[in-house]
Amino acid sequence: MVTLDKAPRPFIALVQDGTVINTVAAPTTDRAAEELYVEAFTHCLEVHEVTAIDRFEAHTQVLATLV
């Protein structure tokens, strides 16, 4: 029997004009986080941090906050 780990973890959702562009696992290092935020700023993206069990749930949580 295979059991999937369903522990919540941090995700970052990138949003532009009310549309979720991408959802990724939160960076684990300060440098990677800084690069992500600079990239988001460069492309005028909003950054939403959420805790979820997978990318789909993270995407859904961010959509709920945009309504």
N, C-alpha and C. Protein backbone atom coordinates (compact mmCIF):
# COMPACT_ATOMS: atom_id res chain seq x y z
N MET A 1 0.84 -1.17 0.00
CA MET A 1 0.00 0.00 0.00
C MET A 1 0.88 1.24 0.00
N VAL A 2 0.54 2.20 -0.84
CA VAL A 2 1.28 3.45 -0.93
C VAL A 2 0.46 4.55 -0.27
N THR A 3 1.10 5.31 0.61
CA THR A 3 0.43 6.42 1.27
C THR A 3 1.13 7.71 0.88
N LEU A 4 0.35 8.65 0.39
CA LEU A 4 0.91 9.94 0.01
C LEU A 4 0.97 10.85 1.23
N ASP A 5 2.04 11.61 1.35
CA ASP A 5 2.19 12.56 2.44
C ASP A 5 1.27 13.74 2.19
N LYS A 6 0.34 13.97 3.09
CA LYS A 6 -0.63 15.05 2.94
C LYS A 6 -0.37 16.19 3.93
N ALA A 7 0.86 16.34 4.33
CA ALA A 7 1.20 17.41 5.27
C ALA A 7 1.16 18.77 4.55
N PRO A 8 0.53 19.76 5.16
CA PRO A 8 0.51 21.09 4.55
C PRO A 8 1.92 21.67 4.45
N ARG A 9 2.15 22.41 3.39
CA ARG A 9 3.45 23.07 3.21
C ARG A 9 3.23 24.41 2.50
N PRO A 10 4.20 25.28 2.53
CA PRO A 10 4.01 26.61 1.95
C PRO A 10 4.13 26.61 0.42
N PHE A 11 3.27 27.40 -0.19
CA PHE A 11 3.28 27.60 -1.64
C PHE A 11 3.23 29.09 -1.93
N ILE A 12 3.70 29.45 -3.10
CA ILE A 12 3.65 30.83 -3.59
C ILE A 12 2.80 30.82 -4.85
N ALA A 13 1.82 31.71 -4.90
CA ALA A 13 1.01 31.86 -6.11
C ALA A 13 1.32 33.21 -6.72
N LEU A 14 1.57 33.22 -8.01
CA LEU A 14 1.87 34.46 -8.73
C LEU A 14 0.61 34.87 -9.48
N VAL A 15 0.17 36.11 -9.24
CA VAL A 15 -1.10 36.59 -9.77
C VAL A 15 -0.87 37.85 -10.59
N GLN A 16 -1.56 37.93 -11.73
CA GLN A 16 -1.49 39.14 -12.56
C GLN A 16 -2.90 39.45 -13.05
N ASP A 17 -3.35 40.66 -12.80
CA ASP A 17 -4.68 41.12 -13.23
C ASP A 17 -5.79 40.17 -12.78
N GLY A 18 -5.71 39.67 -11.56
CA GLY A 18 -6.74 38.81 -11.02
C GLY A 18 -6.71 37.37 -11.52
N THR A 19 -5.65 36.99 -12.23
CA THR A 19 -5.51 35.64 -12.75
C THR A 19 -4.28 34.98 -12.13
N VAL A 20 -4.45 33.77 -11.63
CA VAL A 20 -3.31 33.03 -11.08
C VAL A 20 -2.46 32.54 -12.25
N ILE A 21 -1.24 33.04 -12.34
CA ILE A 21 -0.33 32.70 -13.43
C ILE A 21 0.38 31.38 -13.16
N ASN A 22 0.82 31.20 -11.91
CA ASN A 22 1.57 29.99 -11.55
C ASN A 22 1.51 29.79 -10.04
N THR A 23 1.59 28.55 -9.63
CA THR A 23 1.68 28.21 -8.21
C THR A 23 2.87 27.28 -8.04
N VAL A 24 3.77 27.66 -7.15
CA VAL A 24 5.00 26.88 -6.95
C VAL A 24 5.24 26.65 -5.46
N ALA A 25 5.98 25.62 -5.15
CA ALA A 25 6.38 25.40 -3.76
C ALA A 25 7.24 26.57 -3.32
N ALA A 26 7.07 26.99 -2.08
CA ALA A 26 7.84 28.12 -1.57
C ALA A 26 9.33 27.78 -1.58
N PRO A 27 10.16 28.73 -1.97
CA PRO A 27 11.61 28.48 -1.97
C PRO A 27 12.12 28.12 -0.58
N THR A 28 13.13 27.27 -0.55
CA THR A 28 13.67 26.81 0.73
C THR A 28 14.86 27.62 1.20
N THR A 29 15.42 28.43 0.31
CA THR A 29 16.57 29.26 0.72
C THR A 29 16.22 30.74 0.55
N ASP A 30 16.91 31.57 1.30
CA ASP A 30 16.68 33.01 1.20
C ASP A 30 17.02 33.53 -0.19
N ARG A 31 18.08 33.00 -0.77
CA ARG A 31 18.49 33.45 -2.10
C ARG A 31 17.43 33.12 -3.14
N ALA A 32 16.90 31.92 -3.09
CA ALA A 32 15.86 31.52 -4.05
C ALA A 32 14.60 32.36 -3.85
N ALA A 33 14.26 32.65 -2.61
CA ALA A 33 13.09 33.48 -2.33
C ALA A 33 13.29 34.90 -2.88
N GLU A 34 14.49 35.44 -2.68
CA GLU A 34 14.79 36.77 -3.18
C GLU A 34 14.70 36.81 -4.71
N GLU A 35 15.23 35.80 -5.36
CA GLU A 35 15.16 35.74 -6.83
C GLU A 35 13.72 35.66 -7.32
N LEU A 36 12.90 34.89 -6.61
CA LEU A 36 11.49 34.78 -6.99
C LEU A 36 10.78 36.12 -6.84
N TYR A 37 11.02 36.82 -5.74
CA TYR A 37 10.37 38.11 -5.52
C TYR A 37 10.84 39.16 -6.53
N VAL A 38 12.12 39.14 -6.88
CA VAL A 38 12.63 40.08 -7.89
C VAL A 38 11.99 39.78 -9.25
N GLU A 39 11.89 38.51 -9.60
CA GLU A 39 11.26 38.13 -10.86
C GLU A 39 9.79 38.55 -10.89
N ALA A 40 9.10 38.34 -9.78
CA ALA A 40 7.68 38.74 -9.69
C ALA A 40 7.55 40.26 -9.83
N PHE A 41 8.42 40.99 -9.16
CA PHE A 41 8.38 42.45 -9.24
C PHE A 41 8.66 42.92 -10.66
N THR A 42 9.63 42.30 -11.32
CA THR A 42 10.00 42.66 -12.68
C THR A 42 8.82 42.52 -13.64
N HIS A 43 8.01 41.49 -13.42
CA HIS A 43 6.87 41.22 -14.32
C HIS A 43 5.54 41.73 -13.75
N CYS A 44 5.61 42.58 -12.72
CA CYS A 44 4.42 43.18 -12.10
C CYS A 44 3.41 42.13 -11.63
N LEU A 45 3.92 41.09 -10.98
CA LEU A 45 3.06 40.04 -10.45
C LEU A 45 2.84 40.23 -8.96
N GLU A 46 1.64 39.90 -8.50
CA GLU A 46 1.37 39.87 -7.07
C GLU A 46 1.83 38.52 -6.54
N VAL A 47 2.37 38.50 -5.34
CA VAL A 47 2.82 37.26 -4.71
C VAL A 47 1.90 36.96 -3.53
N HIS A 48 1.28 35.78 -3.56
CA HIS A 48 0.41 35.35 -2.47
C HIS A 48 1.02 34.10 -1.85
N GLU A 49 1.20 34.13 -0.55
CA GLU A 49 1.75 32.97 0.17
C GLU A 49 0.61 32.23 0.85
N VAL A 50 0.52 30.93 0.61
CA VAL A 50 -0.53 30.10 1.22
C VAL A 50 0.08 28.80 1.72
N THR A 51 -0.63 28.14 2.61
CA THR A 51 -0.23 26.82 3.09
C THR A 51 -1.28 25.83 2.61
N ALA A 52 -0.84 24.78 1.92
CA ALA A 52 -1.76 23.80 1.34
C ALA A 52 -1.07 22.45 1.24
N ILE A 53 -1.86 21.41 0.91
CA ILE A 53 -1.27 20.08 0.78
C ILE A 53 -0.72 19.83 -0.62
N ASP A 54 -1.19 20.60 -1.62
CA ASP A 54 -0.66 20.46 -2.98
C ASP A 54 -0.91 21.75 -3.77
N ARG A 55 -0.37 21.79 -4.99
CA ARG A 55 -0.50 23.00 -5.81
C ARG A 55 -1.94 23.31 -6.15
N PHE A 56 -2.75 22.30 -6.38
CA PHE A 56 -4.15 22.51 -6.72
C PHE A 56 -4.88 23.22 -5.58
N GLU A 57 -4.68 22.74 -4.36
CA GLU A 57 -5.33 23.37 -3.21
C GLU A 57 -4.81 24.80 -3.03
N ALA A 58 -3.53 25.01 -3.21
CA ALA A 58 -2.96 26.35 -3.10
C ALA A 58 -3.58 27.28 -4.14
N HIS A 59 -3.70 26.81 -5.37
CA HIS A 59 -4.31 27.58 -6.45
C HIS A 59 -5.75 27.94 -6.09
N THR A 60 -6.49 26.98 -5.57
CA THR A 60 -7.90 27.17 -5.19
C THR A 60 -8.02 28.19 -4.06
N GLN A 61 -7.14 28.13 -3.08
CA GLN A 61 -7.17 29.08 -1.96
C GLN A 61 -6.95 30.51 -2.46
N VAL A 62 -6.00 30.67 -3.37
CA VAL A 62 -5.71 32.01 -3.88
C VAL A 62 -6.90 32.52 -4.70
N LEU A 63 -7.48 31.67 -5.53
CA LEU A 63 -8.66 32.08 -6.30
C LEU A 63 -9.78 32.54 -5.38
N ALA A 64 -9.96 31.86 -4.26
CA ALA A 64 -11.02 32.23 -3.32
C ALA A 64 -10.77 33.63 -2.73
N THR A 65 -9.52 34.01 -2.56
CA THR A 65 -9.22 35.33 -1.99
C THR A 65 -9.36 36.44 -3.03
N LEU A 66 -9.34 36.07 -4.31
CA LEU A 66 -9.42 37.07 -5.37
C LEU A 66 -10.86 37.44 -5.72
N VAL A 67 -11.81 36.65 -5.27
CA VAL A 67 -13.22 36.89 -5.62
C VAL A 67 -13.78 38.05 -4.86
